[in-house]
């Protein structure tokens, strides 16, 4: 006899695993995107852009799992929080993947070599990666204090973005390259915002309360 509760539990675990796998894919996309900005070869930029289709497909699969769980099962309140949060988290991750692909598109247009700007762009990306990695740990350990700390860290990314857009000089006296560098900063700033949104969803999943 088929144990429907066991099937339900396995489906829920599969959903959580799928979201974590998507987070890993996005983590790698961010890592590659910040490294490609000064890369002499555009091949990696093209690879990042192409791989965004995989990220989009993974988000669609998660959506299908969520629909199946809600329509075929009767989730209890705690599980429903996990399911609804998974929907929001996967959507935020997909947008982060889009931003990483957009940074790669910038590399197809220009190569950023200015040390001041490049260091800040790469630091923004690395801070985002650290936030995402720590958020995974916070979710698995149900560490609410770490979630709160991660949300506060987004201020560091915002500060770096301000340093970039407030730079008075033009990179190599080229306003176009400067504009593209500022755009890359904007995409990385948005990645930080998306991680903050995910952290708030994780907070809700753990506590059952909205983050204030």
N, C-alpha and C. Protein backbone atom coordinates (compact mmCIF):
# COMPACT_ATOMS: atom_id res chain seq x y z
N UNK A 1 0.83 -1.20 0.00
CA UNK A 1 0.00 0.00 0.00
C UNK A 1 0.87 1.25 0.00
N UNK A 2 0.52 2.20 -0.82
CA UNK A 2 1.30 3.43 -0.94
C UNK A 2 1.06 4.31 0.27
N UNK A 3 2.15 4.75 0.89
CA UNK A 3 2.07 5.65 2.04
C UNK A 3 2.08 7.08 1.50
N UNK A 4 0.93 7.74 1.46
CA UNK A 4 0.81 9.07 0.89
C UNK A 4 1.60 10.11 1.69
N UNK A 5 1.64 9.91 3.00
CA UNK A 5 2.40 10.86 3.83
C UNK A 5 3.89 10.77 3.52
N UNK A 6 4.37 9.56 3.28
CA UNK A 6 5.78 9.38 2.95
C UNK A 6 6.10 10.03 1.61
N UNK A 7 5.20 9.86 0.66
CA UNK A 7 5.39 10.49 -0.66
C UNK A 7 5.41 12.01 -0.52
N UNK A 8 4.51 12.52 0.32
CA UNK A 8 4.44 13.96 0.55
C UNK A 8 5.75 14.47 1.16
N UNK A 9 6.26 13.78 2.17
CA UNK A 9 7.51 14.19 2.83
C UNK A 9 8.67 14.17 1.85
N UNK A 10 8.70 13.15 1.00
CA UNK A 10 9.77 13.05 0.01
C UNK A 10 9.67 14.20 -1.00
N UNK A 11 8.45 14.55 -1.38
CA UNK A 11 8.24 15.66 -2.32
C UNK A 11 8.69 16.98 -1.72
N UNK A 12 8.41 17.16 -0.44
CA UNK A 12 8.80 18.39 0.25
C UNK A 12 10.32 18.49 0.37
N UNK A 13 10.95 17.36 0.67
CA UNK A 13 12.41 17.34 0.76
C UNK A 13 13.04 17.59 -0.60
N UNK A 14 12.41 17.05 -1.64
CA UNK A 14 12.92 17.27 -3.00
C UNK A 14 12.82 18.74 -3.39
N UNK A 15 11.75 19.39 -2.97
CA UNK A 15 11.57 20.82 -3.24
C UNK A 15 12.68 21.62 -2.57
N UNK A 16 12.93 21.36 -1.31
CA UNK A 16 13.98 22.09 -0.59
C UNK A 16 15.35 21.84 -1.22
N UNK A 17 15.61 20.60 -1.63
CA UNK A 17 16.88 20.27 -2.27
C UNK A 17 17.02 21.00 -3.61
N UNK A 18 15.92 21.12 -4.34
CA UNK A 18 15.94 21.80 -5.63
C UNK A 18 16.26 23.28 -5.48
N UNK A 19 15.70 23.90 -4.44
CA UNK A 19 15.97 25.32 -4.18
C UNK A 19 17.43 25.52 -3.80
N UNK A 20 17.96 24.63 -2.96
CA UNK A 20 19.36 24.73 -2.57
C UNK A 20 20.29 24.51 -3.75
N UNK A 21 19.92 23.61 -4.65
CA UNK A 21 20.72 23.38 -5.85
C UNK A 21 20.69 24.60 -6.76
N UNK A 22 19.53 25.24 -6.86
CA UNK A 22 19.43 26.47 -7.65
C UNK A 22 20.32 27.55 -7.05
N UNK A 23 20.34 27.64 -5.73
CA UNK A 23 21.19 28.62 -5.06
C UNK A 23 22.67 28.38 -5.38
N UNK A 24 23.06 27.11 -5.43
CA UNK A 24 24.46 26.77 -5.78
C UNK A 24 24.78 27.21 -7.21
N UNK A 25 23.85 27.00 -8.13
CA UNK A 25 24.06 27.40 -9.52
C UNK A 25 24.21 28.92 -9.65
N UNK A 26 23.38 29.64 -8.92
CA UNK A 26 23.43 31.10 -8.96
C UNK A 26 24.72 31.60 -8.32
N UNK A 27 25.14 30.96 -7.24
CA UNK A 27 26.41 31.30 -6.58
C UNK A 27 27.56 31.23 -7.58
N UNK A 28 27.61 30.15 -8.34
CA UNK A 28 28.68 29.99 -9.32
C UNK A 28 28.56 31.01 -10.46
N UNK A 29 27.33 31.35 -10.83
CA UNK A 29 27.12 32.34 -11.88
C UNK A 29 27.65 33.71 -11.45
N UNK A 30 27.40 34.07 -10.20
CA UNK A 30 27.91 35.35 -9.68
C UNK A 30 29.43 35.34 -9.67
N UNK A 31 29.99 34.24 -9.18
CA UNK A 31 31.45 34.11 -9.11
C UNK A 31 32.08 34.28 -10.49
N UNK A 32 31.51 33.63 -11.48
CA UNK A 32 32.06 33.73 -12.83
C UNK A 32 31.87 35.13 -13.41
N UNK A 33 30.74 35.76 -13.11
CA UNK A 33 30.44 37.07 -13.70
C UNK A 33 31.40 38.15 -13.23
N UNK A 34 31.80 38.10 -11.95
CA UNK A 34 32.71 39.13 -11.46
C UNK A 34 34.14 38.89 -11.93
N UNK A 35 34.46 37.64 -12.22
CA UNK A 35 35.80 37.32 -12.72
C UNK A 35 35.95 37.62 -14.20
N UNK A 36 34.82 37.62 -14.93
CA UNK A 36 34.88 37.76 -16.37
C UNK A 36 35.02 39.22 -16.82
N UNK A 37 34.75 40.17 -15.92
CA UNK A 37 34.75 41.58 -16.29
C UNK A 37 36.09 42.05 -16.88
N UNK A 38 37.18 41.49 -16.36
CA UNK A 38 38.50 41.88 -16.85
C UNK A 38 39.17 40.77 -17.66
N UNK A 39 38.41 39.74 -18.00
CA UNK A 39 38.95 38.60 -18.74
C UNK A 39 39.25 39.00 -20.18
N UNK A 40 40.38 38.56 -20.67
CA UNK A 40 40.76 38.90 -22.05
C UNK A 40 39.90 38.16 -23.07
N UNK A 41 39.40 37.01 -22.68
CA UNK A 41 38.60 36.18 -23.57
C UNK A 41 37.11 36.33 -23.24
N UNK A 42 36.29 36.48 -24.27
CA UNK A 42 34.85 36.63 -24.06
C UNK A 42 34.11 35.29 -23.97
N UNK A 43 34.84 34.18 -24.09
CA UNK A 43 34.20 32.87 -24.11
C UNK A 43 33.43 32.60 -22.82
N UNK A 44 34.02 32.95 -21.69
CA UNK A 44 33.35 32.72 -20.41
C UNK A 44 32.09 33.56 -20.30
N UNK A 45 32.14 34.78 -20.81
CA UNK A 45 30.95 35.64 -20.79
C UNK A 45 29.81 34.99 -21.56
N UNK A 46 30.13 34.43 -22.72
CA UNK A 46 29.10 33.75 -23.52
C UNK A 46 28.57 32.53 -22.78
N UNK A 47 29.44 31.83 -22.07
CA UNK A 47 29.03 30.63 -21.33
C UNK A 47 28.06 31.00 -20.20
N UNK A 48 28.34 32.10 -19.50
CA UNK A 48 27.47 32.54 -18.41
C UNK A 48 26.08 32.89 -18.95
N UNK A 49 26.07 33.61 -20.06
CA UNK A 49 24.80 34.02 -20.67
C UNK A 49 23.98 32.79 -21.10
N UNK A 50 24.64 31.84 -21.70
CA UNK A 50 23.97 30.62 -22.16
C UNK A 50 23.46 29.80 -20.97
N UNK A 51 24.26 29.77 -19.89
CA UNK A 51 23.89 28.95 -18.73
C UNK A 51 22.68 29.52 -18.00
N UNK A 52 22.36 30.78 -18.24
CA UNK A 52 21.20 31.37 -17.59
C UNK A 52 19.92 30.62 -17.96
N UNK A 53 19.92 29.98 -19.12
CA UNK A 53 18.76 29.18 -19.52
C UNK A 53 18.57 28.00 -18.57
N UNK A 54 19.66 27.44 -18.09
CA UNK A 54 19.60 26.33 -17.14
C UNK A 54 18.97 26.80 -15.83
N UNK A 55 19.40 27.98 -15.37
CA UNK A 55 18.85 28.55 -14.14
C UNK A 55 17.35 28.80 -14.30
N UNK A 56 16.96 29.35 -15.44
CA UNK A 56 15.54 29.60 -15.69
C UNK A 56 14.74 28.30 -15.69
N UNK A 57 15.31 27.26 -16.28
CA UNK A 57 14.63 25.96 -16.33
C UNK A 57 14.49 25.36 -14.93
N UNK A 58 15.50 25.54 -14.10
CA UNK A 58 15.44 25.02 -12.73
C UNK A 58 14.35 25.74 -11.93
N UNK A 59 14.21 27.05 -12.15
CA UNK A 59 13.14 27.78 -11.46
C UNK A 59 11.77 27.29 -11.90
N UNK A 60 11.61 27.03 -13.20
CA UNK A 60 10.34 26.52 -13.71
C UNK A 60 10.00 25.17 -13.11
N UNK A 61 11.01 24.33 -12.95
CA UNK A 61 10.80 23.01 -12.35
C UNK A 61 10.35 23.15 -10.89
N UNK A 62 10.92 24.10 -10.18
CA UNK A 62 10.52 24.35 -8.79
C UNK A 62 9.06 24.81 -8.74
N UNK A 63 8.69 25.69 -9.66
CA UNK A 63 7.30 26.14 -9.73
C UNK A 63 6.35 24.96 -9.92
N UNK A 64 6.75 24.04 -10.79
CA UNK A 64 5.91 22.86 -11.04
C UNK A 64 5.78 22.00 -9.78
N UNK A 65 6.88 21.85 -9.05
CA UNK A 65 6.84 21.08 -7.81
C UNK A 65 5.91 21.73 -6.78
N UNK A 66 5.97 23.05 -6.71
CA UNK A 66 5.13 23.78 -5.75
C UNK A 66 3.65 23.62 -6.09
N UNK A 67 3.33 23.76 -7.36
CA UNK A 67 1.94 23.59 -7.79
C UNK A 67 1.44 22.19 -7.46
N UNK A 68 2.28 21.20 -7.71
CA UNK A 68 1.91 19.82 -7.44
C UNK A 68 1.67 19.59 -5.94
N UNK A 69 2.53 20.14 -5.11
CA UNK A 69 2.39 19.96 -3.66
C UNK A 69 1.11 20.59 -3.13
N UNK A 70 0.80 21.77 -3.65
CA UNK A 70 -0.38 22.49 -3.14
C UNK A 70 -1.68 21.85 -3.64
N UNK A 71 -1.69 21.42 -4.90
CA UNK A 71 -2.92 20.90 -5.48
C UNK A 71 -3.18 19.43 -5.13
N UNK A 72 -2.12 18.65 -4.95
CA UNK A 72 -2.29 17.23 -4.70
C UNK A 72 -2.20 16.84 -3.23
N UNK A 73 -1.66 17.75 -2.41
CA UNK A 73 -1.50 17.46 -0.99
C UNK A 73 -2.27 18.50 -0.17
N UNK A 74 -2.25 18.36 1.10
CA UNK A 74 -2.86 19.34 2.01
C UNK A 74 -1.82 19.74 3.04
N UNK A 75 -0.95 20.67 2.65
CA UNK A 75 0.16 21.05 3.54
C UNK A 75 -0.34 21.65 4.86
N UNK A 76 0.31 21.26 5.95
CA UNK A 76 0.01 21.88 7.24
C UNK A 76 0.67 23.26 7.27
N UNK A 77 0.35 24.06 8.27
CA UNK A 77 0.78 25.45 8.30
C UNK A 77 2.30 25.61 8.17
N UNK A 78 3.05 24.81 8.92
CA UNK A 78 4.52 24.92 8.88
C UNK A 78 5.06 24.59 7.50
N UNK A 79 4.56 23.52 6.92
CA UNK A 79 5.01 23.11 5.60
C UNK A 79 4.59 24.13 4.54
N UNK A 80 3.44 24.72 4.73
CA UNK A 80 2.96 25.71 3.76
C UNK A 80 3.89 26.92 3.73
N UNK A 81 4.43 27.29 4.90
CA UNK A 81 5.40 28.39 4.94
C UNK A 81 6.63 28.03 4.11
N UNK A 82 7.09 26.80 4.23
CA UNK A 82 8.25 26.34 3.46
C UNK A 82 7.95 26.40 1.97
N UNK A 83 6.77 25.94 1.60
CA UNK A 83 6.39 25.90 0.18
C UNK A 83 6.28 27.30 -0.40
N UNK A 84 5.59 28.19 0.30
CA UNK A 84 5.42 29.56 -0.19
C UNK A 84 6.75 30.31 -0.23
N UNK A 85 7.58 30.10 0.78
CA UNK A 85 8.89 30.74 0.80
C UNK A 85 9.77 30.21 -0.33
N UNK A 86 9.65 28.92 -0.62
CA UNK A 86 10.42 28.34 -1.72
C UNK A 86 10.09 29.00 -3.04
N UNK A 87 8.82 29.33 -3.23
CA UNK A 87 8.40 30.01 -4.45
C UNK A 87 9.06 31.37 -4.58
N UNK A 88 9.04 32.13 -3.48
CA UNK A 88 9.65 33.46 -3.52
C UNK A 88 11.16 33.38 -3.66
N UNK A 89 11.78 32.46 -2.93
CA UNK A 89 13.24 32.32 -2.97
C UNK A 89 13.71 31.95 -4.38
N UNK A 90 13.03 31.00 -5.01
CA UNK A 90 13.44 30.58 -6.36
C UNK A 90 13.30 31.72 -7.35
N UNK A 91 12.27 32.54 -7.18
CA UNK A 91 12.07 33.70 -8.05
C UNK A 91 13.20 34.71 -7.86
N UNK A 92 13.58 34.96 -6.62
CA UNK A 92 14.69 35.89 -6.35
C UNK A 92 16.01 35.35 -6.90
N UNK A 93 16.22 34.06 -6.77
CA UNK A 93 17.44 33.44 -7.29
C UNK A 93 17.50 33.55 -8.82
N UNK A 94 16.36 33.34 -9.46
CA UNK A 94 16.32 33.45 -10.92
C UNK A 94 16.68 34.86 -11.36
N UNK A 95 16.22 35.85 -10.64
CA UNK A 95 16.55 37.24 -10.97
C UNK A 95 18.02 37.52 -10.75
N UNK A 96 18.58 36.90 -9.72
CA UNK A 96 20.02 37.04 -9.49
C UNK A 96 20.80 36.44 -10.65
N UNK A 97 20.32 35.31 -11.16
CA UNK A 97 20.95 34.70 -12.34
C UNK A 97 20.88 35.63 -13.54
N UNK A 98 19.75 36.32 -13.70
CA UNK A 98 19.61 37.30 -14.78
C UNK A 98 20.64 38.41 -14.64
N UNK A 99 20.83 38.87 -13.40
CA UNK A 99 21.80 39.94 -13.17
C UNK A 99 23.22 39.49 -13.48
N UNK A 100 23.54 38.25 -13.10
CA UNK A 100 24.87 37.71 -13.42
C UNK A 100 25.06 37.64 -14.93
N UNK A 101 24.01 37.21 -15.65
CA UNK A 101 24.09 37.15 -17.11
C UNK A 101 24.23 38.55 -17.70
N UNK A 102 23.56 39.53 -17.11
CA UNK A 102 23.66 40.90 -17.59
C UNK A 102 25.07 41.46 -17.41
N UNK A 103 25.73 41.06 -16.32
CA UNK A 103 27.12 41.47 -16.11
C UNK A 103 28.01 40.86 -17.19
N UNK A 104 27.73 39.60 -17.53
CA UNK A 104 28.49 38.94 -18.60
C UNK A 104 28.26 39.65 -19.94
N UNK A 105 27.07 40.15 -20.16
CA UNK A 105 26.78 40.88 -21.40
C UNK A 105 27.59 42.17 -21.46
N UNK A 106 27.83 42.78 -20.29
CA UNK A 106 28.67 43.98 -20.25
C UNK A 106 30.07 43.63 -20.72
N UNK A 107 30.57 42.45 -20.29
CA UNK A 107 31.92 42.05 -20.72
C UNK A 107 31.97 41.84 -22.23
N UNK A 108 30.88 41.44 -22.83
CA UNK A 108 30.87 41.28 -24.29
C UNK A 108 31.00 42.64 -24.98
N UNK A 109 30.60 43.70 -24.28
CA UNK A 109 30.67 45.04 -24.86
C UNK A 109 31.99 45.74 -24.54
N UNK A 110 32.44 45.61 -23.26
CA UNK A 110 33.66 46.31 -22.85
C UNK A 110 34.46 45.42 -21.90
N UNK A 111 35.72 45.76 -21.73
CA UNK A 111 36.59 45.10 -20.75
C UNK A 111 36.96 46.13 -19.69
N UNK A 112 36.64 45.85 -18.45
CA UNK A 112 36.91 46.80 -17.37
C UNK A 112 38.24 46.45 -16.72
N UNK A 113 39.19 47.39 -16.81
CA UNK A 113 40.53 47.14 -16.30
C UNK A 113 40.93 48.11 -15.20
N UNK A 114 40.16 49.18 -15.00
CA UNK A 114 40.49 50.15 -13.97
C UNK A 114 40.51 49.49 -12.60
N UNK A 115 41.65 49.55 -11.90
CA UNK A 115 41.83 48.82 -10.65
C UNK A 115 40.86 49.28 -9.56
N UNK A 116 40.63 50.58 -9.46
CA UNK A 116 39.74 51.12 -8.43
C UNK A 116 38.32 50.57 -8.59
N UNK A 117 37.80 50.68 -9.79
CA UNK A 117 36.43 50.22 -10.07
C UNK A 117 36.34 48.71 -10.00
N UNK A 118 37.29 48.03 -10.64
CA UNK A 118 37.24 46.57 -10.71
C UNK A 118 37.29 45.94 -9.32
N UNK A 119 38.15 46.47 -8.45
CA UNK A 119 38.26 45.94 -7.09
C UNK A 119 36.93 46.05 -6.35
N UNK A 120 36.26 47.18 -6.53
CA UNK A 120 34.99 47.39 -5.84
C UNK A 120 33.88 46.51 -6.42
N UNK A 121 33.87 46.34 -7.72
CA UNK A 121 32.89 45.46 -8.34
C UNK A 121 33.08 44.02 -7.86
N UNK A 122 34.32 43.57 -7.86
CA UNK A 122 34.59 42.20 -7.44
C UNK A 122 34.31 42.00 -5.95
N UNK A 123 34.57 43.03 -5.15
CA UNK A 123 34.28 42.94 -3.72
C UNK A 123 32.77 42.86 -3.49
N UNK A 124 32.00 43.63 -4.25
CA UNK A 124 30.54 43.55 -4.15
C UNK A 124 30.06 42.12 -4.44
N UNK A 125 30.64 41.53 -5.49
CA UNK A 125 30.26 40.17 -5.85
C UNK A 125 30.64 39.16 -4.79
N UNK A 126 31.83 39.32 -4.22
CA UNK A 126 32.29 38.37 -3.20
C UNK A 126 31.47 38.50 -1.92
N UNK A 127 31.09 39.73 -1.58
CA UNK A 127 30.23 39.91 -0.42
C UNK A 127 28.87 39.23 -0.63
N UNK A 128 28.35 39.34 -1.85
CA UNK A 128 27.09 38.67 -2.17
C UNK A 128 27.21 37.17 -2.05
N UNK A 129 28.32 36.63 -2.54
CA UNK A 129 28.53 35.19 -2.46
C UNK A 129 28.62 34.72 -1.01
N UNK A 130 29.30 35.51 -0.17
CA UNK A 130 29.40 35.16 1.25
C UNK A 130 28.03 35.20 1.91
N UNK A 131 27.22 36.22 1.57
CA UNK A 131 25.87 36.32 2.12
C UNK A 131 25.04 35.11 1.72
N UNK A 132 25.14 34.71 0.46
CA UNK A 132 24.35 33.58 -0.03
C UNK A 132 24.77 32.28 0.63
N UNK A 133 26.09 32.09 0.78
CA UNK A 133 26.60 30.87 1.42
C UNK A 133 26.18 30.81 2.89
N UNK A 134 26.29 31.95 3.58
CA UNK A 134 25.90 31.98 5.00
C UNK A 134 24.40 31.82 5.17
N UNK A 135 23.64 32.29 4.19
CA UNK A 135 22.19 32.15 4.26
C UNK A 135 21.77 30.69 4.15
N UNK A 136 22.49 29.94 3.33
CA UNK A 136 22.23 28.51 3.22
C UNK A 136 22.47 27.83 4.58
N UNK A 137 23.57 28.23 5.22
CA UNK A 137 23.89 27.68 6.54
C UNK A 137 22.83 28.07 7.58
N UNK A 138 22.40 29.34 7.50
CA UNK A 138 21.40 29.82 8.45
C UNK A 138 20.09 29.08 8.30
N UNK A 139 19.71 28.78 7.06
CA UNK A 139 18.47 28.05 6.81
C UNK A 139 18.56 26.63 7.36
N UNK A 140 19.68 25.98 7.10
CA UNK A 140 19.83 24.58 7.53
C UNK A 140 19.91 24.46 9.06
N UNK A 141 20.50 25.48 9.72
CA UNK A 141 20.66 25.43 11.17
C UNK A 141 19.57 26.20 11.91
N UNK A 142 18.65 26.84 11.13
CA UNK A 142 17.57 27.64 11.71
C UNK A 142 18.13 28.73 12.63
N UNK A 143 19.20 29.39 12.16
CA UNK A 143 19.89 30.42 12.94
C UNK A 143 19.31 31.79 12.59
N UNK A 144 18.37 32.25 13.40
CA UNK A 144 17.69 33.53 13.13
C UNK A 144 18.66 34.71 13.26
N UNK A 145 19.57 34.65 14.22
CA UNK A 145 20.51 35.75 14.41
C UNK A 145 21.42 35.92 13.20
N UNK A 146 21.83 34.82 12.59
CA UNK A 146 22.66 34.89 11.40
C UNK A 146 21.87 35.48 10.24
N UNK A 147 20.60 35.14 10.15
CA UNK A 147 19.74 35.72 9.10
C UNK A 147 19.69 37.23 9.24
N UNK A 148 19.51 37.72 10.47
CA UNK A 148 19.47 39.16 10.71
C UNK A 148 20.79 39.82 10.33
N UNK A 149 21.89 39.18 10.67
CA UNK A 149 23.21 39.72 10.35
C UNK A 149 23.41 39.82 8.84
N UNK A 150 22.95 38.81 8.12
CA UNK A 150 23.08 38.80 6.65
C UNK A 150 22.31 39.97 6.05
N UNK A 151 21.13 40.24 6.57
CA UNK A 151 20.33 41.36 6.06
C UNK A 151 21.07 42.68 6.26
N UNK A 152 21.72 42.84 7.40
CA UNK A 152 22.46 44.06 7.68
C UNK A 152 23.67 44.23 6.76
N UNK A 153 24.25 43.12 6.33
CA UNK A 153 25.45 43.17 5.49
C UNK A 153 25.20 43.80 4.12
N UNK A 154 23.95 43.84 3.70
CA UNK A 154 23.64 44.45 2.41
C UNK A 154 24.07 45.90 2.37
N UNK A 155 24.17 46.54 3.54
CA UNK A 155 24.62 47.93 3.60
C UNK A 155 26.04 48.08 3.07
N UNK A 156 26.88 47.07 3.28
CA UNK A 156 28.26 47.11 2.79
C UNK A 156 28.30 47.12 1.26
N UNK A 157 27.41 46.35 0.65
CA UNK A 157 27.33 46.32 -0.81
C UNK A 157 26.83 47.67 -1.33
N UNK A 158 25.83 48.22 -0.66
CA UNK A 158 25.30 49.53 -1.06
C UNK A 158 26.37 50.61 -0.98
N UNK A 159 27.20 50.56 0.06
CA UNK A 159 28.27 51.55 0.22
C UNK A 159 29.29 51.47 -0.91
N UNK A 160 29.63 50.26 -1.30
CA UNK A 160 30.57 50.09 -2.41
C UNK A 160 29.98 50.60 -3.72
N UNK A 161 28.69 50.36 -3.91
CA UNK A 161 28.02 50.85 -5.11
C UNK A 161 28.05 52.37 -5.16
N UNK A 162 27.85 53.01 -4.02
CA UNK A 162 27.90 54.47 -3.96
C UNK A 162 29.30 54.97 -4.31
N UNK A 163 30.32 54.26 -3.87
CA UNK A 163 31.70 54.65 -4.20
C UNK A 163 31.93 54.61 -5.70
N UNK A 164 31.33 53.62 -6.35
CA UNK A 164 31.49 53.48 -7.80
C UNK A 164 30.77 54.60 -8.54
N UNK A 165 29.52 54.85 -8.20
CA UNK A 165 28.75 55.85 -8.95
C UNK A 165 29.19 57.27 -8.62
N UNK A 166 29.86 57.44 -7.47
CA UNK A 166 30.33 58.78 -7.10
C UNK A 166 31.75 59.06 -7.57
N UNK A 167 32.32 58.11 -8.29
CA UNK A 167 33.67 58.33 -8.82
C UNK A 167 33.64 59.50 -9.79
N UNK A 168 34.46 60.50 -9.52
CA UNK A 168 34.41 61.73 -10.32
C UNK A 168 35.10 61.58 -11.68
N UNK A 169 36.05 60.68 -11.76
CA UNK A 169 36.81 60.57 -12.99
C UNK A 169 36.21 59.54 -13.94
N UNK A 170 36.59 59.62 -15.20
CA UNK A 170 36.13 58.67 -16.21
C UNK A 170 37.19 57.61 -16.43
N UNK A 171 36.76 56.38 -16.51
CA UNK A 171 37.70 55.28 -16.73
C UNK A 171 38.35 55.44 -18.10
N UNK A 172 39.66 55.55 -18.10
CA UNK A 172 40.42 55.70 -19.36
C UNK A 172 39.86 56.84 -20.22
N UNK A 173 39.31 57.85 -19.53
CA UNK A 173 38.72 58.99 -20.24
C UNK A 173 37.64 58.56 -21.22
N UNK A 174 37.00 57.47 -20.92
CA UNK A 174 35.97 56.93 -21.81
C UNK A 174 34.63 56.86 -21.07
N UNK A 175 33.71 57.78 -21.39
CA UNK A 175 32.43 57.79 -20.69
C UNK A 175 31.61 56.52 -20.91
N UNK A 176 31.79 55.85 -22.05
CA UNK A 176 31.03 54.63 -22.31
C UNK A 176 31.45 53.51 -21.36
N UNK A 177 32.77 53.32 -21.21
CA UNK A 177 33.26 52.30 -20.29
C UNK A 177 32.84 52.63 -18.86
N UNK A 178 32.90 53.91 -18.51
CA UNK A 178 32.46 54.32 -17.17
C UNK A 178 31.00 53.97 -16.95
N UNK A 179 30.17 54.24 -17.93
CA UNK A 179 28.75 53.94 -17.83
C UNK A 179 28.49 52.46 -17.68
N UNK A 180 29.25 51.65 -18.41
CA UNK A 180 29.08 50.20 -18.31
C UNK A 180 29.54 49.68 -16.94
N UNK A 181 30.60 50.30 -16.41
CA UNK A 181 31.08 49.90 -15.08
C UNK A 181 30.03 50.24 -14.01
N UNK A 182 29.43 51.41 -14.14
CA UNK A 182 28.38 51.80 -13.21
C UNK A 182 27.17 50.85 -13.32
N UNK A 183 26.88 50.42 -14.54
CA UNK A 183 25.77 49.49 -14.76
C UNK A 183 26.06 48.14 -14.10
N UNK A 184 27.31 47.69 -14.21
CA UNK A 184 27.71 46.44 -13.56
C UNK A 184 27.52 46.55 -12.04
N UNK A 185 27.87 47.72 -11.50
CA UNK A 185 27.68 47.96 -10.08
C UNK A 185 26.21 47.90 -9.70
N UNK A 186 25.37 48.44 -10.58
CA UNK A 186 23.93 48.41 -10.33
C UNK A 186 23.40 46.98 -10.29
N UNK A 187 23.87 46.14 -11.21
CA UNK A 187 23.44 44.74 -11.21
C UNK A 187 23.87 44.02 -9.93
N UNK A 188 25.08 44.31 -9.48
CA UNK A 188 25.58 43.68 -8.25
C UNK A 188 24.84 44.20 -7.02
N UNK A 189 24.48 45.48 -7.06
CA UNK A 189 23.69 46.04 -5.96
C UNK A 189 22.33 45.37 -5.89
N UNK A 190 21.75 45.10 -7.05
CA UNK A 190 20.46 44.41 -7.10
C UNK A 190 20.58 42.97 -6.59
N UNK A 191 21.70 42.31 -6.89
CA UNK A 191 21.92 40.96 -6.37
C UNK A 191 21.88 40.98 -4.84
N UNK A 192 22.53 41.98 -4.25
CA UNK A 192 22.49 42.12 -2.79
C UNK A 192 21.07 42.30 -2.28
N UNK A 193 20.27 43.08 -3.00
CA UNK A 193 18.87 43.30 -2.61
C UNK A 193 18.08 42.00 -2.68
N UNK A 194 18.33 41.21 -3.73
CA UNK A 194 17.61 39.94 -3.86
C UNK A 194 17.97 38.98 -2.73
N UNK A 195 19.25 38.98 -2.34
CA UNK A 195 19.66 38.11 -1.23
C UNK A 195 18.98 38.56 0.07
N UNK A 196 18.85 39.87 0.24
CA UNK A 196 18.15 40.39 1.42
C UNK A 196 16.69 39.92 1.43
N UNK A 197 16.06 39.95 0.26
CA UNK A 197 14.68 39.47 0.16
C UNK A 197 14.58 37.98 0.50
N UNK A 198 15.57 37.21 0.04
CA UNK A 198 15.60 35.79 0.36
C UNK A 198 15.76 35.59 1.87
N UNK A 199 16.64 36.38 2.47
CA UNK A 199 16.88 36.28 3.91
C UNK A 199 15.59 36.56 4.68
N UNK A 200 14.81 37.51 4.22
CA UNK A 200 13.54 37.81 4.88
C UNK A 200 12.56 36.65 4.74
N UNK A 201 12.60 35.97 3.60
CA UNK A 201 11.76 34.79 3.42
C UNK A 201 12.20 33.65 4.33
N UNK A 202 13.51 33.49 4.48
CA UNK A 202 14.04 32.47 5.38
C UNK A 202 13.64 32.78 6.83
N UNK A 203 13.69 34.05 7.18
CA UNK A 203 13.27 34.48 8.52
C UNK A 203 11.81 34.08 8.75
N UNK A 204 10.98 34.31 7.75
CA UNK A 204 9.56 33.96 7.85
C UNK A 204 9.38 32.45 7.98
N UNK A 205 10.16 31.70 7.20
CA UNK A 205 10.06 30.24 7.25
C UNK A 205 10.40 29.71 8.64
N UNK A 206 11.45 30.28 9.25
CA UNK A 206 11.92 29.80 10.55
C UNK A 206 10.99 30.23 11.68
N UNK A 207 10.56 31.49 11.65
CA UNK A 207 9.83 32.05 12.78
C UNK A 207 8.32 32.12 12.60
N UNK A 208 7.85 32.11 11.35
CA UNK A 208 6.42 32.28 11.10
C UNK A 208 6.00 33.73 11.19
N UNK A 209 6.98 34.64 11.32
CA UNK A 209 6.71 36.08 11.42
C UNK A 209 7.41 36.82 10.29
N UNK A 210 6.84 37.96 9.91
CA UNK A 210 7.46 38.81 8.91
C UNK A 210 8.64 39.55 9.53
N UNK A 211 9.70 39.73 8.75
CA UNK A 211 10.86 40.46 9.27
C UNK A 211 10.52 41.94 9.35
N UNK A 212 10.77 42.54 10.51
CA UNK A 212 10.44 43.95 10.71
C UNK A 212 11.70 44.79 10.66
